[in-house]
Protein backbone atom coordinates (compact mmCIF):
# COMPACT_ATOMS: atom_id res chain seq x y z
CA MET A 1 23.81 92.74 26.84
CA GLU A 2 26.75 90.72 25.18
CA GLY A 3 26.55 87.42 23.95
CA GLU A 4 25.43 85.03 20.98
CA LEU A 5 22.39 83.35 20.08
CA ALA A 6 22.45 80.00 18.23
CA GLY A 7 26.10 80.72 17.47
CA ARG A 8 24.87 82.95 14.50
CA TYR A 9 23.97 86.12 16.06
CA ARG A 10 25.76 88.58 18.19
CA LEU A 11 23.58 90.63 20.80
CA GLY A 12 24.31 94.22 21.29
CA GLU A 13 22.63 96.83 23.29
CA SER A 14 19.22 97.13 24.47
CA LEU A 15 16.44 98.84 22.28
CA GLY A 16 14.07 99.05 24.97
CA GLY A 17 11.28 96.57 26.20
CA GLY A 18 8.09 96.16 28.11
CA PRO A 19 5.87 93.54 30.01
CA ALA A 20 6.28 91.08 27.16
CA GLY A 21 10.17 90.97 26.41
CA GLU A 22 13.33 92.91 25.52
CA VAL A 23 14.72 94.13 22.14
CA PHE A 24 18.18 93.99 21.69
CA ALA A 25 20.44 95.10 18.53
CA ALA A 26 22.30 92.49 17.09
CA THR A 27 24.49 91.22 14.26
CA GLY A 28 23.96 88.59 12.03
CA PRO A 29 26.57 86.25 10.62
CA ASP A 30 27.04 88.42 7.42
CA GLY A 31 27.64 91.48 9.53
CA GLU A 32 23.58 92.16 8.64
CA ASP A 33 21.95 94.38 11.51
CA TYR A 34 19.11 93.17 13.10
CA ALA A 35 16.56 93.25 16.07
CA ILE A 36 16.35 90.53 18.17
CA LYS A 37 13.12 90.29 20.85
CA LEU A 38 13.86 88.04 23.84
CA LEU A 39 10.35 86.46 25.40
CA PRO A 40 10.79 84.58 28.10
CA VAL A 41 8.49 81.61 28.47
CA GLY A 42 9.95 80.06 31.45
CA PRO A 43 11.28 76.39 32.21
CA ALA A 44 8.08 74.79 31.93
CA PRO A 45 5.62 76.72 29.54
CA ASP A 46 2.30 75.91 28.63
CA SER A 47 2.60 73.72 25.67
CA SER A 48 -0.40 74.37 23.89
CA LEU A 49 0.31 78.17 24.02
CA LEU A 50 3.89 77.68 22.88
CA ALA A 51 2.46 75.66 19.93
CA GLY A 52 0.50 78.08 18.83
CA PHE A 53 2.90 80.76 18.76
CA LEU A 54 5.50 79.02 17.17
CA ARG A 55 3.01 77.80 14.63
CA ALA A 56 1.99 81.75 13.98
CA GLN A 57 5.60 82.85 13.90
CA SER A 58 6.70 80.24 11.26
CA GLN A 59 3.99 81.56 8.91
CA LEU A 60 5.38 85.00 9.36
CA VAL A 61 9.14 84.23 8.46
CA GLY A 62 9.99 85.79 5.31
CA LEU A 63 6.75 87.75 5.07
CA ARG A 64 7.28 90.83 3.27
CA HIS A 65 4.77 93.49 3.11
CA PRO A 66 5.79 97.40 3.11
CA ASN A 67 3.84 98.09 6.51
CA LEU A 68 5.09 95.00 8.52
CA VAL A 69 8.42 94.38 10.33
CA VAL A 70 10.02 91.27 8.59
CA LEU A 71 10.61 88.33 10.73
CA HIS A 72 13.62 86.23 9.87
CA ASP A 73 14.30 83.70 12.41
CA VAL A 74 12.43 82.09 15.12
CA LEU A 75 14.99 80.91 18.08
CA VAL A 76 14.03 78.86 21.09
CA GLU A 77 16.92 78.69 23.33
CA ASP A 78 17.37 78.29 27.47
CA GLY A 79 13.17 79.00 28.03
CA VAL A 80 13.75 82.14 25.84
CA ILE A 81 12.25 82.48 22.57
CA ALA A 82 13.91 84.96 20.08
CA LEU A 83 12.47 86.90 17.19
CA VAL A 84 15.16 88.09 14.55
CA GLN A 85 13.51 90.92 12.89
CA ASP A 86 14.55 93.73 10.76
CA ARG A 87 16.33 96.60 12.76
CA VAL A 88 13.84 99.46 11.85
CA PRO A 89 14.99 103.37 12.33
CA GLY A 90 12.93 105.91 13.39
CA GLY A 91 11.67 105.12 16.62
CA SER A 92 8.07 103.84 17.66
CA LEU A 93 4.76 105.56 17.08
CA ARG A 94 4.49 105.92 20.87
CA GLN A 95 7.65 107.72 20.94
CA TRP A 96 6.70 109.76 17.71
CA LEU A 97 3.44 110.71 19.50
CA ASP A 98 4.93 111.58 22.68
CA THR A 99 7.65 114.22 21.09
CA ALA A 100 5.28 115.35 18.38
CA GLY A 101 1.95 115.53 19.95
CA THR A 102 -1.46 114.81 17.92
CA LEU A 103 -1.51 114.37 13.88
CA LEU A 104 -2.77 115.94 11.17
CA PRO A 105 -6.13 114.45 9.81
CA ALA A 106 -4.75 113.58 6.55
CA GLU A 107 -1.50 111.89 7.97
CA LEU A 108 -3.42 110.15 10.32
CA ALA A 109 -5.50 108.70 7.53
CA ARG A 110 -2.22 107.84 5.81
CA ILE A 111 -0.86 106.08 8.61
CA GLY A 112 -4.11 104.28 9.12
CA ALA A 113 -4.26 102.80 5.74
CA GLY A 114 -0.65 101.57 6.20
CA ILE A 115 -1.61 99.74 9.58
CA ALA A 116 -4.73 98.41 8.08
CA SER A 117 -3.19 97.18 5.16
CA ALA A 118 -0.73 95.34 7.16
CA LEU A 119 -3.54 93.93 9.22
CA HIS A 120 -5.17 92.64 6.31
CA GLU A 121 -1.93 90.56 5.05
CA LEU A 122 -1.99 88.70 8.61
CA HIS A 123 -5.64 88.03 8.43
CA SER A 124 -5.73 86.51 5.19
CA LEU A 125 -3.07 83.88 6.64
CA GLY A 126 -5.61 83.40 9.33
CA ILE A 127 -3.22 85.17 11.96
CA VAL A 128 -4.69 87.92 14.28
CA HIS A 129 -2.03 90.79 15.43
CA GLY A 130 -3.45 90.79 18.92
CA ALA A 131 -1.57 93.93 20.15
CA VAL A 132 -2.09 96.62 17.82
CA GLU A 133 -0.76 100.08 19.68
CA PRO A 134 1.72 102.81 19.00
CA ALA A 135 4.27 100.89 21.01
CA ASN A 136 4.25 98.26 18.58
CA ILE A 137 4.20 100.11 15.26
CA LEU A 138 7.74 101.24 14.06
CA MET A 139 7.69 104.31 12.17
CA ASP A 140 10.48 103.66 9.41
CA ASP A 141 12.41 106.69 8.37
CA THR A 142 14.70 105.77 5.66
CA GLY A 143 13.04 107.51 3.10
CA SER A 144 11.45 110.96 2.66
CA VAL A 145 8.14 110.09 4.35
CA ARG A 146 7.82 107.82 7.45
CA ILE A 147 6.38 104.45 7.19
CA PRO A 148 4.20 102.48 9.87
CA ARG A 149 5.65 99.22 10.01
CA LEU A 150 3.51 96.59 12.69
CA SER A 151 5.47 94.69 14.91
CA ASP A 152 4.97 91.87 17.60
CA THR A 153 2.47 90.08 15.86
CA ALA A 154 0.83 87.37 17.59
CA THR A 155 3.12 88.09 20.83
CA SER A 156 -0.28 88.06 22.82
CA LEU A 157 -0.65 84.02 22.27
CA LEU A 158 1.69 83.60 24.94
CA GLU A 159 -0.31 84.99 27.34
CA PRO A 160 -2.33 82.48 29.79
CA ARG A 161 -5.98 82.61 29.44
CA ALA A 162 -7.09 81.12 32.75
CA PRO A 163 -10.68 81.42 33.39
CA GLY A 164 -11.00 84.65 35.81
CA SER A 165 -7.73 85.86 35.08
CA THR A 166 -6.84 89.27 33.69
CA SER A 167 -4.51 89.52 30.75
CA LEU A 168 -2.19 92.45 29.91
CA LEU A 169 -4.18 92.53 26.50
CA ALA A 170 -7.62 92.47 28.44
CA ALA A 171 -6.24 95.21 30.82
CA SER A 172 -5.21 97.49 27.87
CA ALA A 173 -7.29 100.59 26.33
CA TYR A 174 -6.88 99.14 23.02
CA ALA A 175 -8.97 96.09 24.25
CA ALA A 176 -11.86 95.09 22.27
CA PRO A 177 -15.00 94.48 24.61
CA GLU A 178 -15.10 91.10 23.14
CA ALA A 179 -11.12 90.70 24.33
CA GLY A 180 -11.65 87.11 25.93
CA GLU A 181 -12.66 85.84 22.75
CA SER A 182 -10.23 87.77 20.34
CA GLY A 183 -10.30 87.64 16.63
CA THR A 184 -9.58 89.85 13.50
CA ALA A 185 -12.37 92.42 14.59
CA ALA A 186 -10.51 92.84 17.87
CA ASP A 187 -7.46 94.07 15.64
CA LEU A 188 -9.79 96.40 13.79
CA TYR A 189 -11.00 97.82 17.14
CA ALA A 190 -7.77 98.48 18.32
CA LEU A 191 -6.97 100.38 15.07
CA GLY A 192 -9.84 102.22 16.10
CA VAL A 193 -8.56 103.31 19.37
CA LEU A 194 -5.34 104.11 17.67
CA LEU A 195 -6.89 106.49 15.11
CA TYR A 196 -8.88 108.31 18.08
CA GLU A 197 -5.61 108.41 19.72
CA LEU A 198 -3.87 109.99 16.95
CA TYR A 199 -6.40 113.00 16.66
CA CYS A 200 -6.66 114.00 20.28
CA GLY A 201 -3.87 112.53 22.29
CA VAL A 202 -6.00 110.07 24.50
CA THR A 203 -7.91 106.68 23.95
CA PRO A 204 -11.74 106.83 23.81
CA PHE A 205 -11.95 104.74 27.05
CA VAL A 206 -9.85 104.55 29.87
CA PRO A 207 -8.01 101.20 30.73
CA GLY A 208 -10.65 99.04 33.04
CA PHE A 209 -12.95 101.03 31.63
CA VAL A 210 -16.15 98.89 31.41
CA ARG A 211 -18.57 99.60 28.50
CA ALA A 212 -22.22 99.20 28.21
CA ALA A 213 -23.29 97.76 24.95
CA ASP A 214 -25.39 100.97 24.09
CA GLU A 215 -22.13 103.28 25.06
CA GLY A 216 -20.05 104.59 22.11
CA PRO A 217 -17.10 106.92 22.10
CA GLY A 218 -17.04 110.75 22.87
CA ARG A 219 -16.51 112.73 19.88
CA PRO A 220 -13.20 114.47 20.01
CA GLY A 221 -13.31 118.12 19.35
CA GLN A 222 -13.76 118.86 15.47
CA LEU A 223 -12.55 115.17 14.29
CA PRO A 224 -13.75 115.40 10.87
CA GLU A 225 -16.93 113.74 10.14
CA PRO A 226 -16.20 110.75 7.25
CA LEU A 227 -12.97 109.87 9.88
CA TRP A 228 -15.44 110.23 12.84
CA ASP A 229 -17.87 107.90 10.98
CA LEU A 230 -14.90 105.29 10.33
CA ILE A 231 -13.79 105.40 13.67
CA ARG A 232 -17.11 105.00 15.70
CA LEU A 233 -17.65 101.93 13.07
CA LEU A 234 -14.41 100.26 14.39
CA LEU A 235 -15.07 101.02 17.77
CA ALA A 236 -18.61 99.22 17.58
CA PHE A 237 -19.53 97.31 20.65
CA ASP A 238 -20.63 94.01 18.49
CA PRO A 239 -17.66 92.88 16.59
CA SER A 240 -19.64 91.45 13.28
CA PHE A 241 -20.31 95.32 12.94
CA ARG A 242 -16.86 96.44 12.05
CA PRO A 243 -15.31 96.69 8.78
CA THR A 244 -12.57 94.19 7.40
CA ALA A 245 -8.92 95.59 7.59
CA ASP A 246 -8.86 95.70 3.52
CA ARG A 247 -12.12 97.91 3.40
CA THR A 248 -10.68 100.00 6.27
CA ALA A 249 -7.62 100.47 4.51
CA ALA A 250 -9.24 101.23 1.08
CA VAL A 251 -11.86 104.09 3.08
CA LEU A 252 -8.98 105.45 4.97
CA ARG A 253 -6.69 105.89 1.24
CA ALA A 254 -9.79 107.30 -0.10
CA MET A 255 -10.55 110.06 2.30
CA ALA A 256 -7.09 111.23 2.73
CA PRO A 257 -6.80 113.88 -0.08
CA ASP A 258 -10.02 115.08 1.21
CA LEU A 259 -8.45 115.69 4.62
CA LEU A 260 -5.43 117.81 3.72
CA GLY A 261 -5.87 121.03 5.17
CA VAL A 262 -7.89 119.96 7.91
CA PRO A 263 -6.24 121.47 11.21
CA VAL A 264 -4.47 119.11 13.55
CA GLY A 265 -6.82 118.26 16.45
CA GLN A 266 -6.31 119.79 20.25
CA ARG A 267 -4.37 117.58 22.56
CA LEU A 268 -6.93 116.45 25.44
CA ASP A 269 -5.90 115.32 28.79
CA ARG A 270 -8.51 112.90 29.39
CA PRO A 271 -11.32 111.34 26.96
CA PRO A 272 -14.87 113.26 26.17
CA ARG A 273 -17.75 111.13 28.11
CA PRO A 274 -18.79 108.15 26.55
CA GLU A 275 -22.04 108.80 24.18
CA SER A 276 -25.18 106.86 25.06
CA ALA A 277 -28.14 105.83 22.61
CA LYS A 278 -29.80 108.84 23.86
CA ASP A 279 -26.80 111.38 23.60
CA ARG A 280 -26.35 110.33 20.04
CA GLN A 281 -30.15 110.82 19.04
CA ASP A 282 -29.98 114.15 20.81
CA SER A 283 -26.82 115.34 18.94
CA LEU A 284 -27.42 114.10 15.42
CA PRO A 285 -29.97 114.68 12.92
CA PRO A 286 -32.63 111.75 12.30
CA SER A 287 -30.65 108.65 11.36
CA PHE A 288 -30.91 104.82 11.39
CA LEU A 289 -29.22 102.61 14.36
CA ILE A 290 -26.80 99.83 12.93
CA GLY A 291 -25.54 97.92 15.70
CA ASP A 292 -24.38 100.59 18.33
CA GLN A 293 -23.43 103.38 15.82
CA MET A 294 -26.00 105.89 14.40
CA TYR A 295 -25.63 107.27 10.77
CA GLY A 296 -27.72 110.06 9.33
CA GLU A 297 -27.24 112.86 6.72
CA GLN A 298 -24.62 114.86 8.18
CA LEU A 299 -22.34 117.78 6.69
CA TYR A 300 -18.61 118.62 7.05
CA SER A 301 -16.97 121.71 5.72
CA PRO A 302 -13.43 122.48 6.33
CA PRO A 303 -12.37 125.98 7.68
CA PRO A 304 -13.13 128.84 4.99
CA ARG A 305 -9.73 130.51 3.62
CA ARG A 306 -9.66 133.64 1.70
CA ARG A 307 -7.58 132.75 -1.28
CA ARG A 308 -9.94 129.60 -2.23
CA ARG A 309 -13.23 128.17 -1.79
CA TRP A 310 -13.35 125.14 -0.03
CA VAL A 311 -14.74 122.01 -0.98
CA PRO A 312 -17.25 120.83 1.59
CA ILE A 313 -17.24 117.04 1.90
CA ALA A 314 -21.08 116.02 2.37
CA LEU A 315 -21.57 112.64 4.57
CA ALA A 316 -24.95 111.70 2.54
CA THR A 317 -26.30 108.46 4.02
CA THR A 318 -29.02 106.07 2.20
CA VAL A 319 -30.24 103.22 4.56
CA VAL A 320 -31.72 100.35 2.59
CA ALA A 321 -33.59 97.05 3.47
CA ALA A 322 -34.25 98.03 7.22
CA GLY A 323 -30.59 98.61 7.68
CA ALA A 324 -29.05 95.85 5.68
CA ILE A 325 -27.44 98.27 3.72
CA THR A 326 -25.69 101.69 4.54
CA THR A 327 -23.90 103.85 1.75
CA VAL A 328 -21.81 107.10 2.57
CA ALA A 329 -20.71 109.10 -0.07
CA LEU A 330 -17.98 111.68 0.10
CA THR A 331 -19.04 113.82 -2.14
CA GLY A 332 -17.28 116.83 -3.29
CA THR A 333 -19.49 120.14 -3.74
CA SER A 334 -18.60 123.83 -4.00
CA PRO A 335 -20.36 126.94 -2.69
CA SER A 336 -22.58 129.36 -4.68
CA PRO A 337 -21.09 129.83 -7.96
CA GLY A 338 -19.06 132.91 -7.99
CA PRO A 339 -18.04 134.51 -11.57
CA GLN A 340 -16.10 131.58 -12.42
CA ALA A 341 -17.45 127.78 -11.88
CA ALA A 342 -15.31 125.43 -9.50
CA ALA A 343 -13.50 122.74 -10.86
CA PRO A 344 -15.08 119.39 -10.57
CA VAL A 345 -13.68 117.27 -7.75
CA PRO A 346 -13.30 113.24 -7.25
CA THR A 347 -16.17 111.90 -5.81
CA THR A 348 -15.39 108.85 -3.15
CA THR A 349 -18.23 106.36 -2.51
CA VAL A 350 -18.10 104.22 0.96
CA GLN A 351 -20.41 101.38 0.93
CA VAL A 352 -20.89 99.95 4.31
CA THR A 353 -23.09 96.42 4.32
CA ALA A 354 -24.35 95.45 7.61
CA PRO A 355 -24.86 91.49 8.19
CA PRO A 356 -28.52 90.56 7.98
CA SER A 357 -28.35 89.42 11.69
CA SER A 358 -27.00 90.66 14.82
CA ALA A 359 -27.51 87.16 16.67
CA PRO A 360 -25.33 86.56 19.52
CA GLY A 361 -22.24 84.60 18.31
CA SER A 362 -22.51 85.57 14.54
CA THR A 363 -18.96 86.16 13.21
CA ALA A 364 -20.14 88.16 9.87
CA GLN A 365 -18.33 91.09 9.43
CA ALA A 366 -19.84 94.70 7.83
CA ALA A 367 -18.54 94.96 4.63
CA VAL A 368 -17.29 98.51 3.10
CA SER A 369 -16.84 99.18 -0.28
CA THR A 370 -14.99 101.95 -2.09
CA SER A 371 -15.08 103.74 -5.61
CA THR A 372 -13.66 106.74 -6.92
CA SER A 373 -14.05 108.72 -9.71
CA ALA A 374 -11.79 111.82 -10.87
CA PRO A 375 -13.68 113.81 -13.78
CA PRO A 376 -11.19 115.81 -16.17
CA GLY A 377 -10.15 119.23 -14.35
CA SER A 378 -10.32 117.68 -11.18
CA PRO A 379 -7.99 119.38 -8.61
CA SER A 380 -4.15 118.28 -8.40
CA LEU A 381 -2.98 116.11 -6.00
CA PRO A 382 -0.86 117.40 -3.08
CA ALA A 383 2.41 118.57 -4.03
CA GLU A 384 5.50 119.47 -2.03
CA ARG A 385 8.53 122.08 -2.36
CA TYR A 386 11.37 122.04 -0.12
CA LEU A 387 12.41 125.02 1.75
CA THR A 388 15.85 125.14 -0.06
CA GLU A 389 13.78 126.16 -2.96
CA LEU A 390 12.17 129.50 -0.92
CA ALA A 391 14.09 132.72 -0.35
CA PRO A 392 13.56 133.95 3.37
CA VAL A 393 12.30 137.36 3.56
CA ARG A 394 14.26 137.94 6.59
CA GLY A 395 17.28 136.27 8.40
CA SER A 396 18.88 133.08 7.03
CA PHE A 397 20.43 129.54 7.22
CA ASP A 398 24.12 129.62 6.58
CA SER A 399 23.74 127.31 3.82
CA GLY A 400 20.95 125.46 1.65
CA GLN A 401 20.64 122.19 -0.40
CA GLN A 402 23.44 120.64 0.90
CA THR A 403 23.81 116.80 2.39
CA GLY A 404 23.31 116.62 6.33
CA ALA A 405 23.49 113.82 8.72
CA ILE A 406 21.15 113.18 12.00
CA ALA A 407 21.45 110.41 14.39
CA GLY A 408 23.03 108.09 11.58
CA LYS A 409 20.82 108.79 8.81
CA THR A 410 21.70 111.15 5.74
CA TYR A 411 19.62 113.68 4.52
CA LEU A 412 20.22 114.70 0.88
CA HIS A 413 18.07 118.35 0.92
CA THR A 414 19.01 120.12 4.42
CA LEU A 415 19.00 123.74 5.62
CA ALA A 416 21.68 124.08 7.98
CA THR A 417 23.12 126.85 10.23
CA ARG A 418 26.05 126.91 12.70
CA VAL A 419 25.24 127.80 16.19
CA TYR A 420 28.16 128.86 19.01
CA GLU A 421 27.61 128.78 22.66
CA CYS A 422 27.97 132.32 23.02
CA ASP A 423 25.27 132.98 19.67
CA GLY A 424 22.31 135.17 20.44
CA ALA A 425 18.91 133.91 19.11
CA ASP A 426 18.68 133.89 15.20
CA PHE A 427 16.02 133.03 12.66
CA ALA A 428 14.91 132.79 9.26
CA GLU A 429 11.37 133.83 8.14
CA TYR A 430 9.47 133.01 4.95
CA ASN A 431 6.50 134.41 3.25
CA LEU A 432 4.14 131.55 2.63
CA SER A 433 1.35 133.80 0.92
CA LYS A 434 -1.12 131.51 2.70
CA GLY A 435 0.05 128.95 -0.11
CA PHE A 436 0.97 125.93 1.97
CA ARG A 437 -0.85 123.57 4.69
CA ARG A 438 1.93 121.55 6.25
CA LEU A 439 5.65 121.60 6.99
CA VAL A 440 7.69 118.58 7.50
CA ALA A 441 11.24 117.91 8.55
CA SER A 442 13.65 116.15 10.43
CA ALA A 443 15.28 118.70 12.84
CA GLY A 444 18.89 118.01 14.71
CA LEU A 445 22.56 118.63 15.22
CA ASP A 446 24.37 117.41 12.37
CA ASP A 447 26.54 113.69 13.20
CA ASN A 448 29.67 115.94 12.38
CA SER A 449 29.22 118.62 14.69
CA PRO A 450 32.36 119.12 17.33
CA ASP A 451 30.86 119.86 20.64
CA SER A 452 28.90 116.76 22.08
CA THR A 453 27.81 119.24 25.32
CA LEU A 454 26.32 121.97 23.20
CA LYS A 455 22.57 121.90 23.01
CA VAL A 456 20.22 124.09 20.64
CA GLN A 457 16.41 125.39 21.16
CA LEU A 458 14.30 125.42 17.98
CA GLU A 459 11.09 127.13 17.84
CA ILE A 460 8.76 127.63 14.53
CA PHE A 461 6.08 130.17 14.52
CA GLY A 462 3.10 130.86 12.05
CA ASP A 463 1.98 134.40 12.09
CA ASN A 464 3.46 134.80 15.43
CA ARG A 465 1.65 131.59 16.89
CA LYS A 466 4.22 129.29 18.27
CA LEU A 467 3.54 126.00 16.92
CA LEU A 468 6.85 124.17 18.03
CA SER A 469 9.50 124.36 20.94
CA THR A 470 12.08 121.39 21.16
CA THR A 471 15.61 121.09 22.25
CA LEU A 472 18.10 119.57 19.59
CA GLU A 473 20.91 117.46 20.69
CA LEU A 474 23.62 115.18 19.23
CA ASN A 475 22.66 112.07 18.14
CA LYS A 476 18.84 112.66 18.32
CA MET A 477 16.31 113.38 15.49
CA VAL A 478 13.60 115.25 16.30
CA PRO A 479 10.50 114.61 13.61
CA ILE A 480 8.46 118.02 12.53
CA ASP A 481 4.91 117.97 11.15
CA LEU A 482 3.16 121.14 11.36
CA ASP A 483 -0.31 122.51 10.29
CA LEU A 484 0.58 125.86 8.07
CA THR A 485 -3.28 126.29 7.09
CA GLY A 486 -3.90 130.04 6.49
CA VAL A 487 -0.26 130.97 7.65
CA LEU A 488 1.16 133.92 5.74
CA ARG A 489 4.72 134.10 7.56
CA LEU A 490 6.62 131.03 8.90
CA LYS A 491 9.49 131.96 11.32
CA ILE A 492 12.27 129.56 12.05
CA GLY A 493 14.31 130.56 15.36
CA TRP A 494 17.50 128.65 17.00
CA GLN A 495 19.50 129.82 19.91
CA PRO A 496 22.23 127.94 21.88
CA VAL A 497 21.20 126.33 25.36
CA LYS A 498 24.06 128.39 27.34
CA SER A 499 26.09 126.45 29.58
CA GLY A 500 28.23 129.22 30.97
CA GLU A 501 31.23 128.88 28.67
CA CYS A 502 32.03 130.02 25.12
CA GLY A 503 33.33 127.23 23.07
CA ALA A 504 34.75 128.02 19.88
CA SER A 505 33.72 124.92 17.88
CA GLY A 506 30.14 125.43 17.61
CA ASN A 507 27.35 122.74 16.18
CA HIS A 508 25.58 122.61 12.89
CA LEU A 509 21.74 122.94 13.39
CA ASP A 510 20.00 120.83 10.44
CA LEU A 511 16.59 120.74 8.86
CA GLY A 512 16.71 117.56 6.93
CA GLU A 513 14.44 116.99 3.94
CA ALA A 514 12.54 120.15 5.17
CA LYS A 515 9.43 121.00 2.67
CA VAL A 516 6.22 122.59 2.66
CA LEU A 517 3.13 120.74 1.30
CA GLY A 518 0.05 122.07 -0.14
CA LEU A 519 -1.98 122.03 -3.53
CA PRO A 520 -0.41 123.32 -6.86
CA GLU A 521 -3.15 125.93 -7.65
CA GLU A 522 -2.62 127.23 -4.21
CA MET A 523 1.15 127.48 -4.03
CA PRO A 524 2.89 130.82 -4.84
CA PRO A 525 5.50 130.80 -7.50
CA PRO A 526 9.27 129.28 -6.47
CA THR A 527 11.63 131.79 -5.13
CA THR A 528 14.72 129.91 -5.08
CA THR A 529 18.00 131.19 -3.07
CA GLY A 530 20.32 130.24 -5.83
């Protein structure tokens, strides 16, 4: 779409869209890059809905938060509302999920904490986002770590709410049971659905499912206990029992270090059967009912490893004053003492305070508070090492520690290799000594590659188990985030996708900012390639 808006913004190509509107690349009067979302409102819009929407958007103009997409301008022209926003490279969380699948629990907690922090900023202004879902979360990849940035704030205010009608929001799998009376608690419910989906690939309830008040989500696979308890609280049927956004962010940040190294969840085709109150009583130790959630004393221990004793996370629950206060302690403990005493670990205490009354219409929300203590000698925080610092034990890349460019973005630490049309399969294999827990990178063909038609198949193996298989092509970046817990040998393989002709130019395969993460006390010594 070519054209101008208000004589100030020139529209370019479409960046995508959905039922609510379409987004276009745009250029400002001084050459700035923007993304402009066009929302058609028709020749005779509902004046009250339009006024409420514009009132909310006016509060957002210029609002800056690391996890919010900045709104620069709001225009109304010819029956269309135009939202002028930052253009965020990296695609949406929905695109990322479709490409990479489920996420590691620690990464899930990091992303969730960012989104919750953005929601707290909005809620403090009295604004309900109203559409928290993967398509409305952009993954900013301008730095070495992708940052979630929430977009499309309050666009649901334009939806009519005629009696008996079903809006797009109400039909969504992210809609809270009270969707018709959406408030800040509905945003937290949607965040709970999102966290659930990031772990197992499906939402806890299918769209249109009518949930009974005594039904809870089914637990997907081996979702870690601390994360599962928080998600169940966010998905409480009664909105008054859901924690606020700032408390949710604090809890997720506090538990993220404890989740490091917990393996990625299995991707499901459909959600587990919802739990009834009886199911929860049968499957959990004796516990106390808070809203529609059950909390009791439970134990979660990550899978054991040979080289290091794991620190289990004990989820100890204390119920005070007939359910008024529930204290959840994520307490690091160690197994039976061996020849040497285990180092002390941080203790994170999460306190969930339920409102004194669950009377219908109550707007009070459960409060969650956290405190973290890190005693002297506690384990180090996660550390990282670039793959360029590790020497392959077999095979190699053509070059390392160089600058690469994928889909318009520059990567200062890049492993690269030339791939020709008639090449066979090749690889580089690394000995990780079971000392790393995660591999992250941005993969693609270098922007300076001469052959626009040549594609490359990339495969990554951990101890001969395939972790990733994807096809790389020019002008497309593929995010990599893989669990390496317990992996001895990491093998990265590649080969051209043959088209029948042997070209002489070839393309460069790049792994931008490729690094392995782990705990310093577990990592083997560096072995640079020189």
